[in-house]
Amino acid sequence: MTFRERVYQIAKKIPKGKVATYGQIANLAGNPKAARAVGMCMKTNPSAPFIPCHRVVGATGKLMGYTGGKGIPTKRAMLASEDVLVENDKVDLSKYRWRK
């Protein structure tokens, strides 16, 4: 399985109402230093929203780099529809971080 395939498999497991960070997914995929590569995988996600890239956020909880719809506003709305509170384009990771 390629790194990209592992990233997508992991992202598919993030449940509604939770988020994961790019670094968290990189670590789970076996390459802890590949957070940017995870971002590229999310950017080129061929199966959104089946692979829920809108549930992947920056290390501080900041909403980053969403290419679907109208970008960050669309990501914010999708998270809100899943009862994830976003304030100032950030998610409170202590409350919403997915724990695998």
PDB file of N, CA and C in Angstrom:
ATOM      1  N   MET A   1       0.849  -1.177   0.000  1.00  0.00           N
ATOM      2  CA  MET A   1       0.000   0.000   0.000  1.00  0.00           C
ATOM      3  C   MET A   1       0.897   1.243   0.000  1.00  0.00           C
ATOM      4  N   THR A   2       0.593   2.210  -0.818  1.00  0.00           N
ATOM      5  CA  THR A   2       1.390   3.428  -0.883  1.00  0.00           C
ATOM      6  C   THR A   2       1.058   4.350   0.294  1.00  0.00           C
ATOM      7  N   PHE A   3       1.922   5.326   0.515  1.00  0.00           N
ATOM      8  CA  PHE A   3       1.672   6.319   1.554  1.00  0.00           C
ATOM      9  C   PHE A   3       0.324   6.991   1.310  1.00  0.00           C
ATOM     10  N   ARG A   4       0.054   7.399   0.087  1.00  0.00           N
ATOM     11  CA  ARG A   4      -1.215   8.065  -0.270  1.00  0.00           C
ATOM     12  C   ARG A   4      -2.410   7.180   0.077  1.00  0.00           C
ATOM     13  N   GLU A   5      -2.318   5.910  -0.253  1.00  0.00           N
ATOM     14  CA  GLU A   5      -3.418   4.988   0.056  1.00  0.00           C
ATOM     15  C   GLU A   5      -3.618   4.851   1.560  1.00  0.00           C
ATOM     16  N   ARG A   6      -2.517   4.803   2.312  1.00  0.00           N
ATOM     17  CA  ARG A   6      -2.623   4.738   3.781  1.00  0.00           C
ATOM     18  C   ARG A   6      -3.277   6.006   4.324  1.00  0.00           C
ATOM     19  N   VAL A   7      -2.887   7.155   3.791  1.00  0.00           N
ATOM     20  CA  VAL A   7      -3.466   8.429   4.224  1.00  0.00           C
ATOM     21  C   VAL A   7      -4.976   8.426   4.005  1.00  0.00           C
ATOM     22  N   TYR A   8      -5.416   8.005   2.833  1.00  0.00           N
ATOM     23  CA  TYR A   8      -6.849   7.980   2.541  1.00  0.00           C
ATOM     24  C   TYR A   8      -7.591   6.975   3.416  1.00  0.00           C
ATOM     25  N   GLN A   9      -6.984   5.825   3.678  1.00  0.00           N
ATOM     26  CA  GLN A   9      -7.618   4.835   4.552  1.00  0.00           C
ATOM     27  C   GLN A   9      -7.800   5.397   5.959  1.00  0.00           C
ATOM     28  N   ILE A  10      -6.795   6.093   6.447  1.00  0.00           N
ATOM     29  CA  ILE A  10      -6.870   6.691   7.785  1.00  0.00           C
ATOM     30  C   ILE A  10      -7.922   7.788   7.807  1.00  0.00           C
ATOM     31  N   ALA A  11      -7.902   8.671   6.824  1.00  0.00           N
ATOM     32  CA  ALA A  11      -8.851   9.789   6.786  1.00  0.00           C
ATOM     33  C   ALA A  11     -10.296   9.288   6.744  1.00  0.00           C
ATOM     34  N   LYS A  12     -10.543   8.178   6.069  1.00  0.00           N
ATOM     35  CA  LYS A  12     -11.898   7.622   6.005  1.00  0.00           C
ATOM     36  C   LYS A  12     -12.420   7.219   7.378  1.00  0.00           C
ATOM     37  N   LYS A  13     -11.526   6.986   8.325  1.00  0.00           N
ATOM     38  CA  LYS A  13     -11.929   6.541   9.661  1.00  0.00           C
ATOM     39  C   LYS A  13     -12.281   7.686  10.600  1.00  0.00           C
ATOM     40  N   ILE A  14     -11.987   8.925  10.213  1.00  0.00           N
ATOM     41  CA  ILE A  14     -12.298  10.060  11.089  1.00  0.00           C
ATOM     42  C   ILE A  14     -13.815  10.203  11.137  1.00  0.00           C
ATOM     43  N   PRO A  15     -14.417  10.052  12.303  1.00  0.00           N
ATOM     44  CA  PRO A  15     -15.882  10.094  12.375  1.00  0.00           C
ATOM     45  C   PRO A  15     -16.434  11.524  12.306  1.00  0.00           C
ATOM     46  N   LYS A  16     -17.699  11.610  11.954  1.00  0.00           N
ATOM     47  CA  LYS A  16     -18.380  12.902  11.976  1.00  0.00           C
ATOM     48  C   LYS A  16     -18.263  13.478  13.381  1.00  0.00           C
ATOM     49  N   GLY A  17     -18.061  14.777  13.447  1.00  0.00           N
ATOM     50  CA  GLY A  17     -17.942  15.436  14.737  1.00  0.00           C
ATOM     51  C   GLY A  17     -16.538  15.452  15.301  1.00  0.00           C
ATOM     52  N   LYS A  18     -15.581  14.899  14.562  1.00  0.00           N
ATOM     53  CA  LYS A  18     -14.186  14.874  15.004  1.00  0.00           C
ATOM     54  C   LYS A  18     -13.282  15.357  13.875  1.00  0.00           C
ATOM     55  N   VAL A  19     -12.065  15.758  14.228  1.00  0.00           N
ATOM     56  CA  VAL A  19     -11.060  16.171  13.250  1.00  0.00           C
ATOM     57  C   VAL A  19      -9.734  15.506  13.604  1.00  0.00           C
ATOM     58  N   ALA A  20      -8.852  15.456  12.633  1.00  0.00           N
ATOM     59  CA  ALA A  20      -7.479  14.984  12.845  1.00  0.00           C
ATOM     60  C   ALA A  20      -6.561  16.036  12.238  1.00  0.00           C
ATOM     61  N   THR A  21      -5.337  16.075  12.699  1.00  0.00           N
ATOM     62  CA  THR A  21      -4.377  17.009  12.124  1.00  0.00           C
ATOM     63  C   THR A  21      -3.594  16.310  11.012  1.00  0.00           C
ATOM     64  N   TYR A  22      -3.002  17.132  10.145  1.00  0.00           N
ATOM     65  CA  TYR A  22      -2.161  16.591   9.076  1.00  0.00           C
ATOM     66  C   TYR A  22      -1.027  15.762   9.679  1.00  0.00           C
ATOM     67  N   GLY A  23      -0.417  16.266  10.747  1.00  0.00           N
ATOM     68  CA  GLY A  23       0.676  15.552  11.395  1.00  0.00           C
ATOM     69  C   GLY A  23       0.230  14.247  12.030  1.00  0.00           C
ATOM     70  N   GLN A  24      -0.946  14.248  12.615  1.00  0.00           N
ATOM     71  CA  GLN A  24      -1.491  13.037  13.219  1.00  0.00           C
ATOM     72  C   GLN A  24      -1.666  11.953  12.158  1.00  0.00           C
ATOM     73  N   ILE A  25      -2.203  12.332  11.004  1.00  0.00           N
ATOM     74  CA  ILE A  25      -2.401  11.367   9.923  1.00  0.00           C
ATOM     75  C   ILE A  25      -1.053  10.889   9.383  1.00  0.00           C
ATOM     76  N   ALA A  26      -0.097  11.804   9.244  1.00  0.00           N
ATOM     77  CA  ALA A  26       1.238  11.414   8.781  1.00  0.00           C
ATOM     78  C   ALA A  26       1.843  10.380   9.722  1.00  0.00           C
ATOM     79  N   ASN A  27       1.725  10.614  11.011  1.00  0.00           N
ATOM     80  CA  ASN A  27       2.256   9.688  12.009  1.00  0.00           C
ATOM     81  C   ASN A  27       1.579   8.323  11.901  1.00  0.00           C
ATOM     82  N   LEU A  28       0.255   8.316  11.805  1.00  0.00           N
ATOM     83  CA  LEU A  28      -0.482   7.061  11.697  1.00  0.00           C
ATOM     84  C   LEU A  28      -0.160   6.318  10.401  1.00  0.00           C
ATOM     85  N   ALA A  29       0.193   7.079   9.352  1.00  0.00           N
ATOM     86  CA  ALA A  29       0.532   6.476   8.063  1.00  0.00           C
ATOM     87  C   ALA A  29       1.973   5.991   8.011  1.00  0.00           C
ATOM     88  N   GLY A  30       2.724   6.220   9.092  1.00  0.00           N
ATOM     89  CA  GLY A  30       4.080   5.685   9.171  1.00  0.00           C
ATOM     90  C   GLY A  30       5.189   6.652   8.821  1.00  0.00           C
ATOM     91  N   ASN A  31       4.869   7.933   8.612  1.00  0.00           N
ATOM     92  CA  ASN A  31       5.903   8.915   8.297  1.00  0.00           C
ATOM     93  C   ASN A  31       5.602  10.215   9.043  1.00  0.00           C
ATOM     94  N   PRO A  32       6.017  10.308  10.312  1.00  0.00           N
ATOM     95  CA  PRO A  32       5.658  11.444  11.164  1.00  0.00           C
ATOM     96  C   PRO A  32       6.076  12.818  10.634  1.00  0.00           C
ATOM     97  N   LYS A  33       7.041  12.856   9.725  1.00  0.00           N
ATOM     98  CA  LYS A  33       7.513  14.142   9.203  1.00  0.00           C
ATOM     99  C   LYS A  33       6.820  14.533   7.892  1.00  0.00           C
ATOM    100  N   ALA A  34       5.784  13.817   7.512  1.00  0.00           N
ATOM    101  CA  ALA A  34       5.154  14.023   6.208  1.00  0.00           C
ATOM    102  C   ALA A  34       3.820  14.760   6.271  1.00  0.00           C
ATOM    103  N   ALA A  35       3.667  15.687   7.216  1.00  0.00           N
ATOM    104  CA  ALA A  35       2.399  16.419   7.327  1.00  0.00           C
ATOM    105  C   ALA A  35       2.065  17.172   6.036  1.00  0.00           C
ATOM    106  N   ARG A  36       3.068  17.774   5.409  1.00  0.00           N
ATOM    107  CA  ARG A  36       2.819  18.494   4.149  1.00  0.00           C
ATOM    108  C   ARG A  36       2.391  17.541   3.044  1.00  0.00           C
ATOM    109  N   ALA A  37       2.965  16.350   3.040  1.00  0.00           N
ATOM    110  CA  ALA A  37       2.573  15.348   2.042  1.00  0.00           C
ATOM    111  C   ALA A  37       1.114  14.932   2.254  1.00  0.00           C
ATOM    112  N   VAL A  38       0.701  14.848   3.515  1.00  0.00           N
ATOM    113  CA  VAL A  38      -0.712  14.563   3.798  1.00  0.00           C
ATOM    114  C   VAL A  38      -1.571  15.681   3.224  1.00  0.00           C
ATOM    115  N   GLY A  39      -1.129  16.923   3.375  1.00  0.00           N
ATOM    116  CA  GLY A  39      -1.856  18.052   2.798  1.00  0.00           C
ATOM    117  C   GLY A  39      -2.011  17.916   1.292  1.00  0.00           C
ATOM    118  N   MET A  40      -0.967  17.474   0.623  1.00  0.00           N
ATOM    119  CA  MET A  40      -1.051  17.276  -0.829  1.00  0.00           C
ATOM    120  C   MET A  40      -2.020  16.147  -1.169  1.00  0.00           C
ATOM    121  N   CYS A  41      -2.027  15.105  -0.358  1.00  0.00           N
ATOM    122  CA  CYS A  41      -2.985  14.021  -0.576  1.00  0.00           C
ATOM    123  C   CYS A  41      -4.416  14.533  -0.433  1.00  0.00           C
ATOM    124  N   MET A  42      -4.640  15.360   0.575  1.00  0.00           N
ATOM    125  CA  MET A  42      -5.979  15.899   0.783  1.00  0.00           C
ATOM    126  C   MET A  42      -6.364  16.830  -0.375  1.00  0.00           C
ATOM    127  N   LYS A  43      -5.404  17.593  -0.856  1.00  0.00           N
ATOM    128  CA  LYS A  43      -5.662  18.526  -1.957  1.00  0.00           C
ATOM    129  C   LYS A  43      -6.072  17.794  -3.235  1.00  0.00           C
ATOM    130  N   THR A  44      -5.518  16.610  -3.439  1.00  0.00           N
ATOM    131  CA  THR A  44      -5.796  15.848  -4.655  1.00  0.00           C
ATOM    132  C   THR A  44      -6.730  14.669  -4.389  1.00  0.00           C
ATOM    133  N   ASN A  45      -7.483  14.752  -3.309  1.00  0.00           N
ATOM    134  CA  ASN A  45      -8.418  13.707  -2.909  1.00  0.00           C
ATOM    135  C   ASN A  45      -9.429  13.437  -4.028  1.00  0.00           C
ATOM    136  N   PRO A  46      -9.396  12.244  -4.606  1.00  0.00           N
ATOM    137  CA  PRO A  46     -10.307  11.945  -5.713  1.00  0.00           C
ATOM    138  C   PRO A  46     -11.710  11.550  -5.267  1.00  0.00           C
ATOM    139  N   SER A  47     -11.906  11.358  -3.968  1.00  0.00           N
ATOM    140  CA  SER A  47     -13.167  10.795  -3.491  1.00  0.00           C
ATOM    141  C   SER A  47     -13.823  11.585  -2.368  1.00  0.00           C
ATOM    142  N   ALA A  48     -13.707  12.907  -2.401  1.00  0.00           N
ATOM    143  CA  ALA A  48     -14.393  13.721  -1.391  1.00  0.00           C
ATOM    144  C   ALA A  48     -15.882  13.701  -1.708  1.00  0.00           C
ATOM    145  N   PRO A  49     -16.754  13.668  -0.759  1.00  0.00           N
ATOM    146  CA  PRO A  49     -16.542  13.632   0.689  1.00  0.00           C
ATOM    147  C   PRO A  49     -16.431  12.221   1.268  1.00  0.00           C
ATOM    148  N   PHE A  50     -16.399  11.177   0.415  1.00  0.00           N
ATOM    149  CA  PHE A  50     -16.240   9.814   0.925  1.00  0.00           C
ATOM    150  C   PHE A  50     -14.960   9.712   1.751  1.00  0.00           C
ATOM    151  N   ILE A  51     -13.901  10.343   1.274  1.00  0.00           N
ATOM    152  CA  ILE A  51     -12.689  10.518   2.076  1.00  0.00           C
ATOM    153  C   ILE A  51     -12.797  11.941   2.616  1.00  0.00           C
ATOM    154  N   PRO A  52     -13.130  12.093   3.893  1.00  0.00           N
ATOM    155  CA  PRO A  52     -13.523  13.399   4.431  1.00  0.00           C
ATOM    156  C   PRO A  52     -12.353  14.342   4.728  1.00  0.00           C
ATOM    157  N   CYS A  53     -11.767  14.902   3.681  1.00  0.00           N
ATOM    158  CA  CYS A  53     -10.621  15.783   3.871  1.00  0.00           C
ATOM    159  C   CYS A  53     -11.005  17.060   4.625  1.00  0.00           C
ATOM    160  N   HIS A  54     -12.286  17.389   4.675  1.00  0.00           N
ATOM    161  CA  HIS A  54     -12.701  18.562   5.444  1.00  0.00           C
ATOM    162  C   HIS A  54     -12.491  18.360   6.941  1.00  0.00           C
ATOM    163  N   ARG A  55     -12.274  17.136   7.368  1.00  0.00           N
ATOM    164  CA  ARG A  55     -12.045  16.839   8.792  1.00  0.00           C
ATOM    165  C   ARG A  55     -10.566  16.859   9.166  1.00  0.00           C
ATOM    166  N   VAL A  56      -9.722  17.323   8.258  1.00  0.00           N
ATOM    167  CA  VAL A  56      -8.286  17.386   8.527  1.00  0.00           C
ATOM    168  C   VAL A  56      -7.897  18.854   8.678  1.00  0.00           C
ATOM    169  N   VAL A  57      -7.232  19.165   9.793  1.00  0.00           N
ATOM    170  CA  VAL A  57      -6.894  20.546  10.136  1.00  0.00           C
ATOM    171  C   VAL A  57      -5.408  20.665  10.486  1.00  0.00           C
ATOM    172  N   GLY A  58      -4.954  21.896  10.639  1.00  0.00           N
ATOM    173  CA  GLY A  58      -3.572  22.151  11.014  1.00  0.00           C
ATOM    174  C   GLY A  58      -3.277  21.746  12.452  1.00  0.00           C
ATOM    175  N   ALA A  59      -2.016  21.775  12.809  1.00  0.00           N
ATOM    176  CA  ALA A  59      -1.553  21.329  14.126  1.00  0.00           C
ATOM    177  C   ALA A  59      -2.163  22.106  15.284  1.00  0.00           C
ATOM    178  N   THR A  60      -2.584  23.339  15.040  1.00  0.00           N
ATOM    179  CA  THR A  60      -3.197  24.157  16.089  1.00  0.00           C
ATOM    180  C   THR A  60      -4.721  24.132  16.027  1.00  0.00           C
ATOM    181  N   GLY A  61      -5.268  23.357  15.086  1.00  0.00           N
ATOM    182  CA  GLY A  61      -6.709  23.312  14.900  1.00  0.00           C
ATOM    183  C   GLY A  61      -7.195  24.267  13.815  1.00  0.00           C
ATOM    184  N   LYS A  62      -6.260  24.995  13.207  1.00  0.00           N
ATOM    185  CA  LYS A  62      -6.623  25.973  12.183  1.00  0.00           C
ATOM    186  C   LYS A  62      -7.118  25.277  10.917  1.00  0.00           C
ATOM    187  N   LEU A  63      -8.184  25.831  10.336  1.00  0.00           N
ATOM    188  CA  LEU A  63      -8.690  25.333   9.062  1.00  0.00           C
ATOM    189  C   LEU A  63      -7.715  25.766   7.986  1.00  0.00           C
ATOM    190  N   MET A  64      -7.298  24.812   7.173  1.00  0.00           N
ATOM    191  CA  MET A  64      -6.277  25.099   6.173  1.00  0.00           C
ATOM    192  C   MET A  64      -6.638  24.462   4.844  1.00  0.00           C
ATOM    193  N   GLY A  65      -6.224  25.085   3.771  1.00  0.00           N
ATOM    194  CA  GLY A  65      -6.141  24.558   2.432  1.00  0.00           C
ATOM    195  C   GLY A  65      -7.249  23.693   1.907  1.00  0.00           C
ATOM    196  N   TYR A  66      -8.476  24.099   1.996  1.00  0.00           N
ATOM    197  CA  TYR A  66      -9.564  23.298   1.445  1.00  0.00           C
ATOM    198  C   TYR A  66      -9.869  23.778   0.039  1.00  0.00           C
ATOM    199  N   THR A  67      -9.924  22.854  -0.925  1.00  0.00           N
ATOM    200  CA  THR A  67     -10.129  23.249  -2.319  1.00  0.00           C
ATOM    201  C   THR A  67     -11.551  22.997  -2.812  1.00  0.00           C
ATOM    202  N   GLY A  68     -12.375  22.353  -2.012  1.00  0.00           N
ATOM    203  CA  GLY A  68     -13.746  22.084  -2.425  1.00  0.00           C
ATOM    204  C   GLY A  68     -14.629  23.314  -2.273  1.00  0.00           C
ATOM    205  N   GLY A  69     -15.640  23.395  -3.106  1.00  0.00           N
ATOM    206  CA  GLY A  69     -16.613  24.482  -3.002  1.00  0.00           C
ATOM    207  C   GLY A  69     -15.947  25.840  -3.029  1.00  0.00           C
ATOM    208  N   LYS A  70     -16.188  26.624  -1.988  1.00  0.00           N
ATOM    209  CA  LYS A  70     -15.619  27.969  -1.875  1.00  0.00           C
ATOM    210  C   LYS A  70     -14.436  28.001  -0.913  1.00  0.00           C
ATOM    211  N   GLY A  71     -13.770  26.870  -0.769  1.00  0.00           N
ATOM    212  CA  GLY A  71     -12.577  26.822   0.069  1.00  0.00           C
ATOM    213  C   GLY A  71     -12.896  26.720   1.549  1.00  0.00           C
ATOM    214  N   ILE A  72     -12.203  27.508   2.342  1.00  0.00           N
ATOM    215  CA  ILE A  72     -12.343  27.465   3.806  1.00  0.00           C
ATOM    216  C   ILE A  72     -13.790  27.679   4.259  1.00  0.00           C
ATOM    217  N   PRO A  73     -14.547  28.626   3.667  1.00  0.00           N
ATOM    218  CA  PRO A  73     -15.947  28.755   4.095  1.00  0.00           C
ATOM    219  C   PRO A  73     -16.741  27.453   3.926  1.00  0.00           C
ATOM    220  N   THR A  74     -16.452  26.705   2.876  1.00  0.00           N
ATOM    221  CA  THR A  74     -17.125  25.424   2.669  1.00  0.00           C
ATOM    222  C   THR A  74     -16.690  24.416   3.730  1.00  0.00           C
ATOM    223  N   LYS A  75     -15.395  24.381   4.027  1.00  0.00           N
ATOM    224  CA  LYS A  75     -14.885  23.477   5.063  1.00  0.00           C
ATOM    225  C   LYS A  75     -15.525  23.811   6.406  1.00  0.00           C
ATOM    226  N   ARG A  76     -15.600  25.092   6.726  1.00  0.00           N
ATOM    227  CA  ARG A  76     -16.212  25.549   7.979  1.00  0.00           C
ATOM    228  C   ARG A  76     -17.670  25.082   8.053  1.00  0.00           C
ATOM    229  N   ALA A  77     -18.414  25.267   6.956  1.00  0.00           N
ATOM    230  CA  ALA A  77     -19.822  24.882   6.926  1.00  0.00           C
ATOM    231  C   ALA A  77     -20.000  23.372   7.062  1.00  0.00           C
ATOM    232  N   MET A  78     -19.128  22.604   6.410  1.00  0.00           N
ATOM    233  CA  MET A  78     -19.220  21.145   6.506  1.00  0.00           C
ATOM    234  C   MET A  78     -18.960  20.679   7.933  1.00  0.00           C
ATOM    235  N   LEU A  79     -17.972  21.263   8.582  1.00  0.00           N
ATOM    236  CA  LEU A  79     -17.686  20.904   9.972  1.00  0.00           C
ATOM    237  C   LEU A  79     -18.847  21.321  10.878  1.00  0.00           C
ATOM    238  N   ALA A  80     -19.390  22.507  10.655  1.00  0.00           N
ATOM    239  CA  ALA A  80     -20.524  22.973  11.461  1.00  0.00           C
ATOM    240  C   ALA A  80     -21.715  22.030  11.312  1.00  0.00           C
ATOM    241  N   SER A  81     -21.928  21.509  10.103  1.00  0.00           N
ATOM    242  CA  SER A  81     -23.046  20.585   9.885  1.00  0.00           C
ATOM    243  C   SER A  81     -22.851  19.272  10.641  1.00  0.00           C
ATOM    244  N   GLU A  82     -21.625  19.015  11.074  1.00  0.00           N
ATOM    245  CA  GLU A  82     -21.306  17.825  11.863  1.00  0.00           C
ATOM    246  C   GLU A  82     -21.134  18.165  13.342  1.00  0.00           C
ATOM    247  N   ASP A  83     -21.606  19.366  13.727  1.00  0.00           N
ATOM    248  CA  ASP A  83     -21.559  19.840  15.113  1.00  0.00           C
ATOM    249  C   ASP A  83     -20.150  20.062  15.645  1.00  0.00           C
ATOM    250  N   VAL A  84     -19.236  20.427  14.760  1.00  0.00           N
ATOM    251  CA  VAL A  84     -17.888  20.825  15.166  1.00  0.00           C
ATOM    252  C   VAL A  84     -17.885  22.346  15.203  1.00  0.00           C
ATOM    253  N   LEU A  85     -17.647  22.908  16.369  1.00  0.00           N
ATOM    254  CA  LEU A  85     -17.631  24.355  16.530  1.00  0.00           C
ATOM    255  C   LEU A  85     -16.311  24.919  16.009  1.00  0.00           C
ATOM    256  N   VAL A  86     -16.425  25.890  15.109  1.00  0.00           N
ATOM    257  CA  VAL A  86     -15.251  26.556  14.548  1.00  0.00           C
ATOM    258  C   VAL A  86     -15.325  28.023  14.945  1.00  0.00           C
ATOM    259  N   GLU A  87     -14.301  28.495  15.645  1.00  0.00           N
ATOM    260  CA  GLU A  87     -14.230  29.899  16.045  1.00  0.00           C
ATOM    261  C   GLU A  87     -12.947  30.494  15.510  1.00  0.00           C
ATOM    262  N   ASN A  88     -13.071  31.616  14.805  1.00  0.00           N
ATOM    263  CA  ASN A  88     -11.908  32.278  14.205  1.00  0.00           C
ATOM    264  C   ASN A  88     -11.110  31.309  13.332  1.00  0.00           C
ATOM    265  N   ASP A  89     -11.836  30.494  12.575  1.00  0.00           N
ATOM    266  CA  ASP A  89     -11.242  29.497  11.679  1.00  0.00           C
ATOM    267  C   ASP A  89     -10.349  28.493  12.392  1.00  0.00           C
ATOM    268  N   LYS A  90     -10.679  28.189  13.653  1.00  0.00           N
ATOM    269  CA  LYS A  90      -9.950  27.172  14.422  1.00  0.00           C
ATOM    270  C   LYS A  90     -10.939  26.249  15.119  1.00  0.00           C
ATOM    271  N   VAL A  91     -10.508  25.019  15.267  1.00  0.00           N
ATOM    272  CA  VAL A  91     -11.255  23.998  15.993  1.00  0.00           C
ATOM    273  C   VAL A  91     -10.520  23.735  17.303  1.00  0.00           C
ATOM    274  N   ASP A  92     -11.267  23.589  18.382  1.00  0.00           N
ATOM    275  CA  ASP A  92     -10.672  23.276  19.677  1.00  0.00           C
ATOM    276  C   ASP A  92     -10.278  21.795  19.679  1.00  0.00           C
ATOM    277  N   LEU A  93      -8.993  21.535  19.518  1.00  0.00           N
ATOM    278  CA  LEU A  93      -8.523  20.153  19.435  1.00  0.00           C
ATOM    279  C   LEU A  93      -8.727  19.382  20.731  1.00  0.00           C
ATOM    280  N   SER A  94      -8.758  20.071  21.859  1.00  0.00           N
ATOM    281  CA  SER A  94      -8.978  19.356  23.120  1.00  0.00           C
ATOM    282  C   SER A  94     -10.383  18.760  23.171  1.00  0.00           C
ATOM    283  N   LYS A  95     -11.280  19.298  22.382  1.00  0.00           N
ATOM    284  CA  LYS A  95     -12.657  18.811  22.358  1.00  0.00           C
ATOM    285  C   LYS A  95     -12.957  17.933  21.148  1.00  0.00           C
ATOM    286  N   TYR A  96     -12.420  18.284  19.979  1.00  0.00           N
ATOM    287  CA  TYR A  96     -12.827  17.637  18.738  1.00  0.00           C
ATOM    288  C   TYR A  96     -11.787  16.713  18.103  1.00  0.00           C
ATOM    289  N   ARG A  97     -10.592  16.634  18.671  1.00  0.00           N
ATOM    290  CA  ARG A  97      -9.564  15.780  18.054  1.00  0.00           C
ATOM    291  C   ARG A  97      -9.989  14.322  18.126  1.00  0.00           C
ATOM    292  N   TRP A  98      -9.851  13.650  17.001  1.00  0.00           N
ATOM    293  CA  TRP A  98     -10.104  12.216  16.915  1.00  0.00           C
ATOM    294  C   TRP A  98      -8.974  11.483  17.589  1.00  0.00           C
ATOM    295  N   ARG A  99      -9.321  10.571  18.445  1.00  0.00           N
ATOM    296  CA  ARG A  99      -8.326   9.722  19.134  1.00  0.00           C
ATOM    297  C   ARG A  99      -8.465   8.316  18.597  1.00  0.00           C
ATOM    298  N   LYS A 100      -7.482   7.879  17.882  1.00  0.00           N
ATOM    299  CA  LYS A 100      -7.514   6.526  17.331  1.00  0.00           C
ATOM    300  C   LYS A 100      -6.935   5.562  18.310  1.00  0.00           C
TER     301      LYS A 100
END
